[in-house]
């Protein structure tokens, strides 16, 4: 039996699980908070950079090539969300079109490495003693990417409606979203603090 569709759905649902996966949703929204609907190509590259990052560590951790303390990973995930959201607060609107914003791609890739370790325990439990993990791993990652694209599409649509139809200032929208996400991430960091 082909398990590809099963793992694709598991990946998609894992990212869309707003009860258990809300921290990953917060990170994706924080990544997108700077952008408008017209920037969808750049957002797609940004989200794909994040997927590449977490795919690397997800594969390495699932194959048990690397092993990181899960409590540390659970603390680092909200830390990455906090850093991303706070950095949004200091970016000026005129910087959006400049090369400086490309630094976001590196952040997304690096922070994706951390988030991938968070997914690994879940995927390892699902795979069990499966001999061939290449296809399930690929399917799971593609499902995660698809789920992230759904989150991005919903967020950019809401942003478009608020900014373009209801005349909410793009700057204010960015500040509200980023501040709210930073606050939630700070609470998560406090709850998951290691000491």
N, C-alpha and C. Protein backbone atom coordinates (compact mmCIF):
# COMPACT_ATOMS: atom_id res chain seq x y z
N UNK A 1 0.84 -1.19 0.00
CA UNK A 1 0.00 0.00 0.00
C UNK A 1 0.88 1.26 0.00
N UNK A 2 0.53 2.23 -0.82
CA UNK A 2 1.29 3.47 -0.91
C UNK A 2 0.94 4.35 0.28
N UNK A 3 1.94 4.68 1.09
CA UNK A 3 1.72 5.47 2.28
C UNK A 3 1.93 6.97 2.05
N UNK A 4 2.32 7.34 0.83
CA UNK A 4 2.61 8.74 0.53
C UNK A 4 1.45 9.66 0.90
N UNK A 5 0.21 9.36 0.43
CA UNK A 5 -0.92 10.25 0.78
C UNK A 5 -1.16 10.34 2.29
N UNK A 6 -0.98 9.23 3.00
CA UNK A 6 -1.17 9.22 4.44
C UNK A 6 -0.22 10.20 5.13
N UNK A 7 1.08 10.13 4.79
CA UNK A 7 2.06 11.01 5.42
C UNK A 7 1.93 12.45 4.95
N UNK A 8 1.48 12.65 3.72
CA UNK A 8 1.21 14.00 3.23
C UNK A 8 0.12 14.65 4.09
N UNK A 9 -0.96 13.91 4.31
CA UNK A 9 -2.07 14.42 5.13
C UNK A 9 -1.61 14.65 6.56
N UNK A 10 -0.81 13.74 7.10
CA UNK A 10 -0.28 13.91 8.46
C UNK A 10 0.55 15.19 8.58
N UNK A 11 1.39 15.45 7.59
CA UNK A 11 2.19 16.68 7.60
C UNK A 11 1.33 17.91 7.51
N UNK A 12 0.36 17.88 6.60
CA UNK A 12 -0.54 19.03 6.43
C UNK A 12 -1.33 19.28 7.71
N UNK A 13 -1.89 18.23 8.27
CA UNK A 13 -2.71 18.38 9.47
C UNK A 13 -1.87 18.77 10.69
N UNK A 14 -0.62 18.33 10.71
CA UNK A 14 0.25 18.68 11.84
C UNK A 14 0.48 20.18 11.89
N UNK A 15 0.67 20.82 10.74
CA UNK A 15 0.89 22.27 10.73
C UNK A 15 -0.42 23.03 10.93
N UNK A 16 -1.54 22.45 10.52
CA UNK A 16 -2.83 23.13 10.64
C UNK A 16 -3.52 22.85 11.97
N UNK A 17 -2.91 22.05 12.82
CA UNK A 17 -3.48 21.72 14.12
C UNK A 17 -3.32 22.93 15.04
N UNK A 18 -4.36 23.77 15.08
CA UNK A 18 -4.25 25.02 15.83
C UNK A 18 -4.26 24.81 17.35
N UNK A 19 -4.52 23.58 17.80
CA UNK A 19 -4.46 23.29 19.23
C UNK A 19 -3.04 22.89 19.62
N UNK A 20 -2.47 21.92 18.89
CA UNK A 20 -1.14 21.41 19.23
C UNK A 20 -0.02 22.03 18.39
N UNK A 21 -0.35 22.60 17.25
CA UNK A 21 0.68 23.14 16.36
C UNK A 21 0.64 24.65 16.23
N UNK A 22 -0.02 25.31 17.18
CA UNK A 22 -0.19 26.76 17.04
C UNK A 22 1.13 27.52 17.08
N UNK A 23 2.15 26.95 17.73
CA UNK A 23 3.43 27.65 17.77
C UNK A 23 4.04 27.74 16.38
N UNK A 24 3.88 26.69 15.58
CA UNK A 24 4.40 26.72 14.20
C UNK A 24 3.58 27.67 13.33
N UNK A 25 2.27 27.71 13.58
CA UNK A 25 1.42 28.66 12.85
C UNK A 25 1.84 30.09 13.20
N UNK A 26 2.10 30.35 14.48
CA UNK A 26 2.55 31.68 14.90
C UNK A 26 3.84 32.08 14.19
N UNK A 27 4.76 31.12 14.06
CA UNK A 27 6.02 31.43 13.40
C UNK A 27 5.80 31.79 11.94
N UNK A 28 4.98 31.01 11.24
CA UNK A 28 4.71 31.28 9.82
C UNK A 28 4.05 32.65 9.66
N UNK A 29 3.10 32.97 10.54
CA UNK A 29 2.44 34.28 10.47
C UNK A 29 3.44 35.40 10.78
N UNK A 30 4.32 35.18 11.76
CA UNK A 30 5.35 36.19 12.05
C UNK A 30 6.25 36.42 10.85
N UNK A 31 6.59 35.35 10.14
CA UNK A 31 7.40 35.50 8.93
C UNK A 31 6.69 36.34 7.88
N UNK A 32 5.37 36.19 7.80
CA UNK A 32 4.59 36.85 6.74
C UNK A 32 4.10 38.24 7.11
N UNK A 33 4.22 38.61 8.38
CA UNK A 33 3.61 39.86 8.85
C UNK A 33 4.11 41.11 8.11
N UNK A 34 5.30 41.05 7.55
CA UNK A 34 5.87 42.20 6.85
C UNK A 34 5.35 42.37 5.43
N UNK A 35 4.68 41.36 4.92
CA UNK A 35 4.39 41.33 3.49
C UNK A 35 2.92 41.56 3.18
N UNK A 36 2.69 42.01 1.94
CA UNK A 36 1.34 42.20 1.43
C UNK A 36 1.04 41.10 0.40
N UNK A 37 -0.21 41.06 -0.03
CA UNK A 37 -0.64 40.04 -1.00
C UNK A 37 0.23 40.08 -2.26
N UNK A 38 0.63 41.26 -2.68
CA UNK A 38 1.44 41.41 -3.89
C UNK A 38 2.83 40.78 -3.75
N UNK A 39 3.26 40.53 -2.52
CA UNK A 39 4.57 39.94 -2.26
C UNK A 39 4.53 38.42 -2.18
N UNK A 40 3.50 37.79 -2.71
CA UNK A 40 3.28 36.36 -2.51
C UNK A 40 4.46 35.50 -2.96
N UNK A 41 5.17 35.93 -4.02
CA UNK A 41 6.31 35.13 -4.49
C UNK A 41 7.43 35.13 -3.45
N UNK A 42 7.69 36.30 -2.88
CA UNK A 42 8.74 36.39 -1.85
C UNK A 42 8.34 35.61 -0.61
N UNK A 43 7.06 35.64 -0.26
CA UNK A 43 6.57 34.90 0.89
C UNK A 43 6.72 33.39 0.64
N UNK A 44 6.44 32.97 -0.58
CA UNK A 44 6.58 31.55 -0.93
C UNK A 44 8.04 31.11 -0.78
N UNK A 45 8.98 31.94 -1.22
CA UNK A 45 10.40 31.62 -1.05
C UNK A 45 10.76 31.56 0.43
N UNK A 46 10.22 32.49 1.20
CA UNK A 46 10.48 32.55 2.64
C UNK A 46 9.97 31.28 3.34
N UNK A 47 8.76 30.90 3.05
CA UNK A 47 8.17 29.70 3.67
C UNK A 47 8.90 28.45 3.20
N UNK A 48 9.32 28.42 1.94
CA UNK A 48 10.08 27.27 1.43
C UNK A 48 11.45 27.18 2.09
N UNK A 49 12.07 28.33 2.37
CA UNK A 49 13.35 28.32 3.10
C UNK A 49 13.15 27.71 4.49
N UNK A 50 12.05 28.06 5.14
CA UNK A 50 11.73 27.48 6.43
C UNK A 50 11.52 25.97 6.31
N UNK A 51 10.81 25.54 5.27
CA UNK A 51 10.57 24.11 5.04
C UNK A 51 11.87 23.37 4.80
N UNK A 52 12.76 23.95 4.01
CA UNK A 52 14.06 23.30 3.75
C UNK A 52 14.82 23.12 5.06
N UNK A 53 14.83 24.17 5.89
CA UNK A 53 15.51 24.09 7.17
C UNK A 53 14.95 22.98 8.04
N UNK A 54 13.62 22.98 8.21
CA UNK A 54 13.08 21.95 9.10
C UNK A 54 13.10 20.57 8.47
N UNK A 55 13.14 20.47 7.14
CA UNK A 55 13.25 19.16 6.50
C UNK A 55 14.61 18.52 6.79
N UNK A 56 15.65 19.35 6.81
CA UNK A 56 17.01 18.82 7.07
C UNK A 56 17.09 18.22 8.47
N UNK A 57 16.70 18.99 9.49
CA UNK A 57 16.81 18.45 10.85
C UNK A 57 15.75 17.40 11.12
N UNK A 58 14.61 17.50 10.48
CA UNK A 58 13.59 16.46 10.64
C UNK A 58 14.12 15.12 10.15
N UNK A 59 14.78 15.14 9.00
CA UNK A 59 15.37 13.90 8.46
C UNK A 59 16.48 13.39 9.37
N UNK A 60 17.39 14.28 9.77
CA UNK A 60 18.52 13.86 10.60
C UNK A 60 18.07 13.34 11.96
N UNK A 61 17.08 14.00 12.57
CA UNK A 61 16.60 13.56 13.88
C UNK A 61 15.77 12.28 13.77
N UNK A 62 14.96 12.18 12.72
CA UNK A 62 14.15 10.98 12.54
C UNK A 62 15.03 9.76 12.30
N UNK A 63 16.11 9.96 11.56
CA UNK A 63 17.06 8.87 11.31
C UNK A 63 18.00 8.66 12.50
N UNK A 64 17.84 9.46 13.54
CA UNK A 64 18.64 9.41 14.76
C UNK A 64 20.13 9.66 14.50
N UNK A 65 20.41 10.51 13.50
CA UNK A 65 21.78 10.95 13.22
C UNK A 65 22.15 12.07 14.20
N UNK A 66 21.17 12.91 14.52
CA UNK A 66 21.38 13.92 15.55
C UNK A 66 20.33 13.72 16.64
N UNK A 67 20.69 14.14 17.83
CA UNK A 67 19.75 14.05 18.94
C UNK A 67 19.95 15.28 19.81
N UNK A 68 18.89 16.03 20.00
CA UNK A 68 18.94 17.24 20.79
C UNK A 68 17.92 17.10 21.92
N UNK A 69 18.27 17.61 23.08
CA UNK A 69 17.36 17.58 24.23
C UNK A 69 16.02 18.20 23.84
N UNK A 70 14.94 17.44 23.99
CA UNK A 70 13.62 17.92 23.55
C UNK A 70 13.15 19.13 24.36
N UNK A 71 13.55 19.23 25.64
CA UNK A 71 13.18 20.41 26.42
C UNK A 71 13.85 21.67 25.88
N UNK A 72 15.09 21.53 25.43
CA UNK A 72 15.79 22.66 24.82
C UNK A 72 15.09 23.09 23.53
N UNK A 73 14.73 22.12 22.70
CA UNK A 73 14.03 22.42 21.44
C UNK A 73 12.70 23.11 21.73
N UNK A 74 11.97 22.60 22.72
CA UNK A 74 10.67 23.19 23.06
C UNK A 74 10.80 24.63 23.56
N UNK A 75 11.95 24.98 24.13
CA UNK A 75 12.21 26.36 24.53
C UNK A 75 12.65 27.20 23.32
N UNK A 76 13.49 26.62 22.46
CA UNK A 76 14.03 27.36 21.32
C UNK A 76 12.95 27.72 20.30
N UNK A 77 11.93 26.88 20.17
CA UNK A 77 10.87 27.17 19.19
C UNK A 77 10.18 28.50 19.49
N UNK A 78 9.67 28.74 20.72
CA UNK A 78 9.08 30.07 20.96
C UNK A 78 10.12 31.20 20.93
N UNK A 79 11.37 30.88 21.24
CA UNK A 79 12.42 31.90 21.13
C UNK A 79 12.56 32.37 19.68
N UNK A 80 12.51 31.45 18.73
CA UNK A 80 12.60 31.83 17.30
C UNK A 80 11.39 32.67 16.90
N UNK A 81 10.23 32.32 17.45
CA UNK A 81 9.01 33.09 17.15
C UNK A 81 9.16 34.50 17.72
N UNK A 82 9.64 34.60 18.94
CA UNK A 82 9.83 35.89 19.61
C UNK A 82 10.81 36.77 18.82
N UNK A 83 11.95 36.20 18.45
CA UNK A 83 12.96 36.97 17.70
C UNK A 83 12.39 37.47 16.38
N UNK A 84 11.68 36.60 15.68
CA UNK A 84 11.09 36.99 14.38
C UNK A 84 10.07 38.10 14.56
N UNK A 85 9.19 37.95 15.54
CA UNK A 85 8.14 38.95 15.74
C UNK A 85 8.73 40.29 16.19
N UNK A 86 9.68 40.27 17.12
CA UNK A 86 10.29 41.52 17.59
C UNK A 86 11.08 42.19 16.47
N UNK A 87 11.79 41.41 15.65
CA UNK A 87 12.55 42.02 14.55
C UNK A 87 11.61 42.70 13.56
N UNK A 88 10.37 42.19 13.42
CA UNK A 88 9.38 42.83 12.54
C UNK A 88 9.07 44.26 13.01
N UNK A 89 9.09 44.45 14.32
CA UNK A 89 8.72 45.75 14.88
C UNK A 89 9.70 46.85 14.49
N UNK A 90 10.93 46.47 14.15
CA UNK A 90 11.97 47.46 13.85
C UNK A 90 12.27 47.60 12.37
N UNK A 91 11.54 46.87 11.54
CA UNK A 91 11.74 46.99 10.09
C UNK A 91 10.83 48.08 9.55
N UNK A 92 11.43 48.95 8.79
CA UNK A 92 10.67 50.04 8.20
C UNK A 92 10.05 49.58 6.89
N UNK A 93 8.92 50.18 6.55
CA UNK A 93 8.18 49.81 5.35
C UNK A 93 9.02 49.97 4.08
N UNK A 94 9.84 51.01 4.04
CA UNK A 94 10.64 51.24 2.84
C UNK A 94 11.74 50.19 2.66
N UNK A 95 12.03 49.41 3.70
CA UNK A 95 13.04 48.36 3.59
C UNK A 95 12.50 47.11 2.89
N UNK A 96 11.17 47.01 2.74
CA UNK A 96 10.57 45.79 2.19
C UNK A 96 11.11 45.44 0.81
N UNK A 97 11.34 46.45 -0.02
CA UNK A 97 11.77 46.18 -1.38
C UNK A 97 13.28 46.10 -1.55
N UNK A 98 14.02 46.33 -0.47
CA UNK A 98 15.48 46.35 -0.58
C UNK A 98 16.08 44.99 -0.31
N UNK A 99 17.32 44.82 -0.70
CA UNK A 99 18.01 43.54 -0.53
C UNK A 99 18.15 43.15 0.93
N UNK A 100 18.11 44.12 1.84
CA UNK A 100 18.25 43.85 3.26
C UNK A 100 17.23 42.83 3.76
N UNK A 101 16.04 42.85 3.17
CA UNK A 101 14.98 41.94 3.59
C UNK A 101 15.35 40.48 3.32
N UNK A 102 16.30 40.25 2.41
CA UNK A 102 16.72 38.89 2.08
C UNK A 102 17.29 38.16 3.30
N UNK A 103 17.71 38.90 4.30
CA UNK A 103 18.18 38.31 5.54
C UNK A 103 17.08 37.44 6.17
N UNK A 104 15.82 37.80 5.91
CA UNK A 104 14.70 37.00 6.41
C UNK A 104 14.77 35.56 5.91
N UNK A 105 15.26 35.36 4.69
CA UNK A 105 15.34 34.01 4.15
C UNK A 105 16.33 33.16 4.95
N UNK A 106 17.44 33.78 5.34
CA UNK A 106 18.43 33.06 6.15
C UNK A 106 17.89 32.75 7.53
N UNK A 107 17.17 33.72 8.12
CA UNK A 107 16.53 33.48 9.41
C UNK A 107 15.53 32.33 9.31
N UNK A 108 14.72 32.36 8.26
CA UNK A 108 13.70 31.31 8.08
C UNK A 108 14.36 29.94 7.95
N UNK A 109 15.44 29.87 7.18
CA UNK A 109 16.16 28.61 7.00
C UNK A 109 16.75 28.14 8.33
N UNK A 110 17.43 29.03 9.04
CA UNK A 110 18.07 28.66 10.30
C UNK A 110 17.02 28.28 11.36
N UNK A 111 15.97 29.09 11.48
CA UNK A 111 14.94 28.78 12.47
C UNK A 111 14.17 27.52 12.08
N UNK A 112 14.10 27.25 10.79
CA UNK A 112 13.48 25.99 10.34
C UNK A 112 14.24 24.79 10.85
N UNK A 113 15.56 24.90 10.96
CA UNK A 113 16.37 23.81 11.52
C UNK A 113 15.90 23.48 12.93
N UNK A 114 15.61 24.50 13.71
CA UNK A 114 15.16 24.30 15.09
C UNK A 114 13.76 23.69 15.12
N UNK A 115 12.86 24.22 14.30
CA UNK A 115 11.49 23.71 14.28
C UNK A 115 11.43 22.26 13.81
N UNK A 116 12.33 21.88 12.91
CA UNK A 116 12.36 20.50 12.42
C UNK A 116 12.62 19.50 13.53
N UNK A 117 13.43 19.90 14.49
CA UNK A 117 13.70 19.01 15.62
C UNK A 117 12.45 18.82 16.46
N UNK A 118 11.59 19.83 16.49
CA UNK A 118 10.33 19.71 17.22
C UNK A 118 9.38 18.74 16.55
N UNK A 119 9.41 18.67 15.22
CA UNK A 119 8.55 17.73 14.49
C UNK A 119 9.05 16.29 14.59
N UNK A 120 10.35 16.11 14.85
CA UNK A 120 10.96 14.78 14.69
C UNK A 120 10.39 13.72 15.62
N UNK A 121 10.10 14.07 16.88
CA UNK A 121 9.54 13.07 17.79
C UNK A 121 8.18 12.58 17.30
N UNK A 122 7.39 13.51 16.79
CA UNK A 122 6.07 13.17 16.26
C UNK A 122 6.21 12.21 15.08
N UNK A 123 7.08 12.56 14.14
CA UNK A 123 7.23 11.73 12.95
C UNK A 123 7.87 10.38 13.29
N UNK A 124 8.85 10.37 14.18
CA UNK A 124 9.49 9.12 14.57
C UNK A 124 8.46 8.16 15.18
N UNK A 125 7.55 8.70 15.99
CA UNK A 125 6.50 7.87 16.60
C UNK A 125 5.56 7.33 15.52
N UNK A 126 5.29 8.12 14.49
CA UNK A 126 4.39 7.68 13.41
C UNK A 126 5.05 6.60 12.55
N UNK A 127 6.36 6.75 12.30
CA UNK A 127 7.06 5.81 11.43
C UNK A 127 7.32 4.47 12.11
N UNK A 128 7.51 4.50 13.41
CA UNK A 128 7.80 3.26 14.12
C UNK A 128 9.06 2.61 13.58
N UNK A 129 8.97 1.35 13.25
CA UNK A 129 10.13 0.59 12.77
C UNK A 129 10.13 0.47 11.24
N UNK A 130 9.48 1.39 10.58
CA UNK A 130 9.41 1.37 9.12
C UNK A 130 10.81 1.33 8.52
N UNK A 131 11.06 0.38 7.61
CA UNK A 131 12.38 0.21 7.01
C UNK A 131 12.74 1.35 6.06
N UNK A 132 11.81 1.75 5.25
CA UNK A 132 12.06 2.80 4.27
C UNK A 132 11.36 4.08 4.71
N UNK A 133 12.15 5.07 5.06
CA UNK A 133 11.52 6.31 5.53
C UNK A 133 11.60 7.44 4.52
N UNK A 134 12.26 7.21 3.39
CA UNK A 134 12.44 8.29 2.41
C UNK A 134 11.11 8.82 1.90
N UNK A 135 10.24 7.94 1.46
CA UNK A 135 8.95 8.36 0.92
C UNK A 135 8.07 9.00 2.00
N UNK A 136 7.93 8.39 3.20
CA UNK A 136 7.13 9.04 4.24
C UNK A 136 7.69 10.41 4.65
N UNK A 137 9.01 10.52 4.70
CA UNK A 137 9.65 11.78 5.08
C UNK A 137 9.36 12.87 4.05
N UNK A 138 9.50 12.51 2.77
CA UNK A 138 9.19 13.46 1.70
C UNK A 138 7.72 13.87 1.75
N UNK A 139 6.84 12.88 1.90
CA UNK A 139 5.41 13.17 1.93
C UNK A 139 5.05 14.07 3.11
N UNK A 140 5.61 13.78 4.27
CA UNK A 140 5.35 14.58 5.47
C UNK A 140 5.80 16.02 5.26
N UNK A 141 7.01 16.20 4.71
CA UNK A 141 7.53 17.56 4.46
C UNK A 141 6.70 18.30 3.43
N UNK A 142 6.27 17.61 2.38
CA UNK A 142 5.42 18.26 1.38
C UNK A 142 4.07 18.64 2.00
N UNK A 143 3.56 17.79 2.87
CA UNK A 143 2.32 18.11 3.58
C UNK A 143 2.47 19.32 4.48
N UNK A 144 3.62 19.40 5.18
CA UNK A 144 3.91 20.57 6.01
C UNK A 144 3.96 21.83 5.15
N UNK A 145 4.64 21.74 4.01
CA UNK A 145 4.74 22.91 3.12
C UNK A 145 3.36 23.33 2.64
N UNK A 146 2.54 22.36 2.26
CA UNK A 146 1.20 22.66 1.79
C UNK A 146 0.38 23.32 2.91
N UNK A 147 0.50 22.80 4.13
CA UNK A 147 -0.19 23.39 5.27
C UNK A 147 0.25 24.82 5.52
N UNK A 148 1.56 25.05 5.40
CA UNK A 148 2.08 26.41 5.58
C UNK A 148 1.56 27.35 4.50
N UNK A 149 1.43 26.86 3.29
CA UNK A 149 0.90 27.70 2.20
C UNK A 149 -0.55 28.06 2.48
N UNK A 150 -1.31 27.14 3.08
CA UNK A 150 -2.69 27.44 3.46
C UNK A 150 -2.71 28.55 4.51
N UNK A 151 -1.85 28.44 5.52
CA UNK A 151 -1.76 29.47 6.57
C UNK A 151 -1.39 30.82 5.96
N UNK A 152 -0.39 30.82 5.08
CA UNK A 152 0.06 32.06 4.44
C UNK A 152 -1.06 32.67 3.60
N UNK A 153 -1.76 31.85 2.84
CA UNK A 153 -2.85 32.34 2.00
C UNK A 153 -3.95 32.98 2.84
N UNK A 154 -4.32 32.31 3.92
CA UNK A 154 -5.35 32.88 4.81
C UNK A 154 -4.88 34.19 5.42
N UNK A 155 -3.64 34.22 5.91
CA UNK A 155 -3.13 35.43 6.53
C UNK A 155 -3.03 36.58 5.54
N UNK A 156 -2.47 36.33 4.36
CA UNK A 156 -2.33 37.40 3.37
C UNK A 156 -3.69 37.89 2.88
N UNK A 157 -4.67 36.99 2.81
CA UNK A 157 -6.03 37.40 2.42
C UNK A 157 -6.64 38.31 3.47
N UNK A 158 -6.51 37.94 4.75
CA UNK A 158 -7.01 38.79 5.83
C UNK A 158 -6.29 40.13 5.81
N UNK A 159 -4.98 40.12 5.63
CA UNK A 159 -4.21 41.36 5.55
C UNK A 159 -4.70 42.24 4.41
N UNK A 160 -4.92 41.62 3.25
CA UNK A 160 -5.39 42.36 2.08
C UNK A 160 -6.73 43.03 2.37
N UNK A 161 -7.65 42.27 2.95
CA UNK A 161 -8.98 42.82 3.24
C UNK A 161 -8.90 43.97 4.23
N UNK A 162 -8.10 43.82 5.28
CA UNK A 162 -7.99 44.86 6.30
C UNK A 162 -7.29 46.11 5.76
N UNK A 163 -6.20 45.91 5.04
CA UNK A 163 -5.40 47.05 4.57
C UNK A 163 -6.04 47.72 3.36
N UNK A 164 -6.51 46.93 2.39
CA UNK A 164 -7.00 47.49 1.14
C UNK A 164 -8.48 47.84 1.15
N UNK A 165 -9.28 47.14 1.92
CA UNK A 165 -10.72 47.42 1.92
C UNK A 165 -11.16 48.21 3.14
N UNK A 166 -10.57 47.91 4.29
CA UNK A 166 -10.99 48.60 5.50
C UNK A 166 -10.02 49.72 5.89
N UNK A 167 -9.03 49.96 5.05
CA UNK A 167 -8.08 51.06 5.22
C UNK A 167 -7.32 51.05 6.55
N UNK A 168 -7.03 49.86 7.05
CA UNK A 168 -6.16 49.74 8.21
C UNK A 168 -4.73 50.02 7.72
N UNK A 169 -4.00 50.81 8.47
CA UNK A 169 -2.63 51.11 8.09
C UNK A 169 -1.80 49.82 8.07
N UNK A 170 -1.06 49.64 7.00
CA UNK A 170 -0.21 48.43 6.89
C UNK A 170 0.79 48.39 8.04
N UNK A 171 1.33 49.54 8.38
CA UNK A 171 2.28 49.65 9.49
C UNK A 171 1.62 49.22 10.80
N UNK A 172 0.40 49.72 11.06
CA UNK A 172 -0.31 49.36 12.29
C UNK A 172 -0.62 47.86 12.32
N UNK A 173 -1.04 47.32 11.20
CA UNK A 173 -1.35 45.88 11.12
C UNK A 173 -0.11 45.06 11.45
N UNK A 174 1.03 45.45 10.86
CA UNK A 174 2.29 44.75 11.14
C UNK A 174 2.64 44.84 12.62
N UNK A 175 2.47 46.01 13.20
CA UNK A 175 2.80 46.21 14.62
C UNK A 175 1.87 45.40 15.53
N UNK A 176 0.58 45.40 15.22
CA UNK A 176 -0.38 44.66 16.04
C UNK A 176 -0.10 43.16 15.99
N UNK A 177 0.04 42.62 14.79
CA UNK A 177 0.28 41.18 14.63
C UNK A 177 1.60 40.79 15.27
N UNK A 178 2.65 41.52 14.98
CA UNK A 178 3.98 41.18 15.50
C UNK A 178 4.03 41.31 17.02
N UNK A 179 3.40 42.34 17.56
CA UNK A 179 3.38 42.52 19.02
C UNK A 179 2.61 41.39 19.70
N UNK A 180 1.47 41.03 19.14
CA UNK A 180 0.66 39.95 19.71
C UNK A 180 1.43 38.63 19.69
N UNK A 181 2.08 38.35 18.57
CA UNK A 181 2.85 37.09 18.44
C UNK A 181 4.04 37.11 19.40
N UNK A 182 4.71 38.26 19.52
CA UNK A 182 5.84 38.37 20.46
C UNK A 182 5.37 38.12 21.89
N UNK A 183 4.21 38.65 22.24
CA UNK A 183 3.67 38.45 23.59
C UNK A 183 3.35 36.98 23.86
N UNK A 184 2.72 36.32 22.90
CA UNK A 184 2.40 34.89 23.06
C UNK A 184 3.68 34.08 23.15
N UNK A 185 4.65 34.40 22.29
CA UNK A 185 5.93 33.68 22.30
C UNK A 185 6.65 33.87 23.63
N UNK A 186 6.57 35.08 24.18
CA UNK A 186 7.22 35.33 25.47
C UNK A 186 6.61 34.46 26.56
N UNK A 187 5.30 34.34 26.57
CA UNK A 187 4.61 33.47 27.54
C UNK A 187 5.04 32.02 27.36
N UNK A 188 5.11 31.57 26.10
CA UNK A 188 5.56 30.19 25.83
C UNK A 188 6.99 29.98 26.30
N UNK A 189 7.85 30.97 26.09
CA UNK A 189 9.24 30.87 26.54
C UNK A 189 9.29 30.75 28.06
N UNK A 190 8.50 31.58 28.73
CA UNK A 190 8.45 31.55 30.19
C UNK A 190 7.98 30.18 30.69
N UNK A 191 6.95 29.64 30.04
CA UNK A 191 6.41 28.34 30.44
C UNK A 191 7.37 27.19 30.17
N UNK A 192 8.23 27.35 29.17
CA UNK A 192 9.13 26.27 28.77
C UNK A 192 10.57 26.52 29.22
N UNK A 193 10.77 27.55 30.05
CA UNK A 193 12.13 27.91 30.47
C UNK A 193 12.79 26.73 31.16
N UNK A 194 14.06 26.51 30.85
CA UNK A 194 14.76 25.30 31.27
C UNK A 194 15.22 25.30 32.72
N UNK A 195 15.36 26.47 33.34
CA UNK A 195 15.94 26.51 34.68
C UNK A 195 14.89 26.77 35.74
